[in-house]
Amino acid sequence: MASSLSSILSNIKSKVSELEDGRQKLAEQCAELERKNASLMQDLQEARKALEQSQLEVEYLRVSYRLAKDENSLIETRRKISSIIRRIDKAIALATDDPSL
């Protein structure tokens, strides 16, 4: 009886060891997947920012082509739009820096 209990206990210990090894491997895989997920989320954020910037540039070009009557006035139109945008950005910056708000 004692030898059978000893063998059963030994068998249980080996199973526990196998389960612990499996759990450790799964924990490592989980950590690796979390790192990959974080990296992919960062890549996604960067891609979204690039897409947003590209969409703004497309809209900017669309507006400048609509406003320009010919190719010569296109450059001047783009300059005017850029100037207006800069002035608006400065006004927003001044408004957000205003301590009375």
C-alpha atoms as a PDB file:
ATOM      1  CA  MET A   1       0.000   0.000   0.000  1.00  0.00           C
ATOM      2  CA  ALA A   2       2.812   2.387   0.871  1.00  0.00           C
ATOM      3  CA  SER A   3       4.564   1.783  -2.418  1.00  0.00           C
ATOM      4  CA  SER A   4       1.356   2.427  -4.351  1.00  0.00           C
ATOM      5  CA  LEU A   5       0.780   5.666  -2.428  1.00  0.00           C
ATOM      6  CA  SER A   6       4.373   6.644  -3.109  1.00  0.00           C
ATOM      7  CA  SER A   7       3.992   5.941  -6.836  1.00  0.00           C
ATOM      8  CA  ILE A   8       0.677   7.814  -6.951  1.00  0.00           C
ATOM      9  CA  LEU A   9       2.275  10.764  -5.181  1.00  0.00           C
ATOM     10  CA  SER A  10       5.223  10.674  -7.550  1.00  0.00           C
ATOM     11  CA  ASN A  11       2.835  10.531 -10.516  1.00  0.00           C
ATOM     12  CA  ILE A  12       0.877  13.502  -9.143  1.00  0.00           C
ATOM     13  CA  LYS A  13       4.105  15.472  -8.638  1.00  0.00           C
ATOM     14  CA  SER A  14       5.161  14.824 -12.232  1.00  0.00           C
ATOM     15  CA  LYS A  15       1.720  15.900 -13.486  1.00  0.00           C
ATOM     16  CA  VAL A  16       1.904  19.069 -11.370  1.00  0.00           C
ATOM     17  CA  SER A  17       5.353  19.780 -12.795  1.00  0.00           C
ATOM     18  CA  GLU A  18       4.056  19.300 -16.355  1.00  0.00           C
ATOM     19  CA  LEU A  19       1.095  21.564 -15.639  1.00  0.00           C
ATOM     20  CA  GLU A  20       3.378  24.224 -14.151  1.00  0.00           C
ATOM     21  CA  ASP A  21       5.634  24.086 -17.229  1.00  0.00           C
ATOM     22  CA  GLY A  22       2.584  24.424 -19.470  1.00  0.00           C
ATOM     23  CA  ARG A  23       1.281  27.341 -17.419  1.00  0.00           C
ATOM     24  CA  GLN A  24       4.668  29.057 -17.611  1.00  0.00           C
ATOM     25  CA  LYS A  25       4.782  28.642 -21.407  1.00  0.00           C
ATOM     26  CA  LEU A  26       1.265  30.020 -21.721  1.00  0.00           C
ATOM     27  CA  ALA A  27       2.162  32.986 -19.520  1.00  0.00           C
ATOM     28  CA  GLU A  28       5.172  33.720 -21.745  1.00  0.00           C
ATOM     29  CA  GLN A  29       3.005  33.448 -24.870  1.00  0.00           C
ATOM     30  CA  CYS A  30       0.444  35.757 -23.296  1.00  0.00           C
ATOM     31  CA  ALA A  31       3.127  38.333 -22.463  1.00  0.00           C
ATOM     32  CA  GLU A  32       4.506  38.147 -26.015  1.00  0.00           C
ATOM     33  CA  LEU A  33       1.028  38.593 -27.486  1.00  0.00           C
ATOM     34  CA  GLU A  34       0.429  41.588 -25.222  1.00  0.00           C
ATOM     35  CA  ARG A  35       3.681  43.160 -26.444  1.00  0.00           C
ATOM     36  CA  LYS A  36       2.712  42.511 -30.063  1.00  0.00           C
ATOM     37  CA  ASN A  37      -0.749  43.937 -29.415  1.00  0.00           C
ATOM     38  CA  ALA A  38       0.718  47.096 -27.890  1.00  0.00           C
ATOM     39  CA  SER A  39       3.056  47.473 -30.858  1.00  0.00           C
ATOM     40  CA  LEU A  40       0.199  46.986 -33.316  1.00  0.00           C
ATOM     41  CA  MET A  41      -1.918  49.530 -31.456  1.00  0.00           C
ATOM     42  CA  GLN A  42       0.908  52.051 -31.692  1.00  0.00           C
ATOM     43  CA  ASP A  43       1.302  51.311 -35.410  1.00  0.00           C
ATOM     44  CA  LEU A  44      -2.445  51.760 -35.841  1.00  0.00           C
ATOM     45  CA  GLN A  45      -2.361  55.138 -34.089  1.00  0.00           C
ATOM     46  CA  GLU A  46       0.507  56.281 -36.319  1.00  0.00           C
ATOM     47  CA  ALA A  47      -1.338  55.072 -39.420  1.00  0.00           C
ATOM     48  CA  ARG A  48      -4.472  56.909 -38.325  1.00  0.00           C
ATOM     49  CA  LYS A  49      -2.492  60.123 -37.831  1.00  0.00           C
ATOM     50  CA  ALA A  50      -0.884  59.729 -41.247  1.00  0.00           C
ATOM     51  CA  LEU A  51      -4.285  59.072 -42.812  1.00  0.00           C
ATOM     52  CA  GLU A  52      -5.762  62.132 -41.130  1.00  0.00           C
ATOM     53  CA  GLN A  53      -2.856  64.268 -42.350  1.00  0.00           C
ATOM     54  CA  SER A  54      -3.249  62.912 -45.873  1.00  0.00           C
ATOM     55  CA  GLN A  55      -6.977  63.621 -45.822  1.00  0.00           C
ATOM     56  CA  LEU A  56      -6.284  67.189 -44.723  1.00  0.00           C
ATOM     57  CA  GLU A  57      -3.769  67.615 -47.528  1.00  0.00           C
ATOM     58  CA  VAL A  58      -6.260  66.251 -50.064  1.00  0.00           C
ATOM     59  CA  GLU A  59      -8.909  68.650 -48.829  1.00  0.00           C
ATOM     60  CA  TYR A  60      -6.407  71.502 -48.941  1.00  0.00           C
ATOM     61  CA  LEU A  61      -5.530  70.670 -52.546  1.00  0.00           C
ATOM     62  CA  ARG A  62      -9.183  70.301 -53.480  1.00  0.00           C
ATOM     63  CA  VAL A  63      -9.979  73.749 -52.120  1.00  0.00           C
ATOM     64  CA  SER A  64      -6.943  75.350 -53.711  1.00  0.00           C
ATOM     65  CA  TYR A  65      -7.760  73.882 -57.135  1.00  0.00           C
ATOM     66  CA  ARG A  66     -11.361  75.053 -56.864  1.00  0.00           C
ATOM     67  CA  LEU A  67     -10.268  78.565 -55.940  1.00  0.00           C
ATOM     68  CA  ALA A  68      -7.544  78.851 -58.561  1.00  0.00           C
ATOM     69  CA  LYS A  69      -8.733  79.917 -61.977  1.00  0.00           C
ATOM     70  CA  ASP A  70      -5.553  78.865 -63.720  1.00  0.00           C
ATOM     71  CA  GLU A  71      -2.212  77.269 -62.908  1.00  0.00           C
ATOM     72  CA  ASN A  72      -0.517  80.615 -62.252  1.00  0.00           C
ATOM     73  CA  SER A  73      -2.994  81.608 -59.600  1.00  0.00           C
ATOM     74  CA  LEU A  74      -2.856  78.184 -57.968  1.00  0.00           C
ATOM     75  CA  ILE A  75       0.409  78.963 -56.154  1.00  0.00           C
ATOM     76  CA  GLU A  76      -0.910  82.289 -54.923  1.00  0.00           C
ATOM     77  CA  THR A  77      -4.133  80.635 -53.754  1.00  0.00           C
ATOM     78  CA  ARG A  78      -2.184  78.041 -51.798  1.00  0.00           C
ATOM     79  CA  ARG A  79      -0.132  80.772 -50.152  1.00  0.00           C
ATOM     80  CA  LYS A  80      -3.265  82.651 -49.156  1.00  0.00           C
ATOM     81  CA  ILE A  81      -4.840  79.519 -47.688  1.00  0.00           C
ATOM     82  CA  SER A  82      -1.641  78.740 -45.764  1.00  0.00           C
ATOM     83  CA  SER A  83      -1.549  82.289 -44.447  1.00  0.00           C
ATOM     84  CA  ILE A  84      -5.161  82.094 -43.315  1.00  0.00           C
ATOM     85  CA  ILE A  85      -4.527  78.772 -41.598  1.00  0.00           C
ATOM     86  CA  ARG A  86      -1.491  80.170 -39.785  1.00  0.00           C
ATOM     87  CA  ARG A  87      -3.478  83.183 -38.612  1.00  0.00           C
ATOM     88  CA  ILE A  88      -6.292  80.963 -37.372  1.00  0.00           C
ATOM     89  CA  ASP A  89      -3.784  78.742 -35.527  1.00  0.00           C
ATOM     90  CA  LYS A  90      -2.246  81.819 -33.888  1.00  0.00           C
ATOM     91  CA  ALA A  91      -5.678  83.071 -32.862  1.00  0.00           C
ATOM     92  CA  ILE A  92      -6.541  79.701 -31.348  1.00  0.00           C
ATOM     93  CA  ALA A  93      -3.216  79.633 -29.501  1.00  0.00           C
ATOM     94  CA  LEU A  94      -3.849  83.130 -28.129  1.00  0.00           C
ATOM     95  CA  ALA A  95      -7.361  82.216 -27.073  1.00  0.00           C
ATOM     96  CA  THR A  96      -6.236  79.080 -25.258  1.00  0.00           C
ATOM     97  CA  ASP A  97      -3.394  80.945 -23.522  1.00  0.00           C
ATOM     98  CA  ASP A  98      -5.760  83.682 -22.292  1.00  0.00           C
ATOM     99  CA  PRO A  99      -5.836  83.509 -18.452  1.00  0.00           C
ATOM    100  CA  SER A 100      -9.300  85.080 -18.331  1.00  0.00           C
ATOM    101  CA  LEU A 101     -10.873  81.920 -19.792  1.00  0.00           C
END
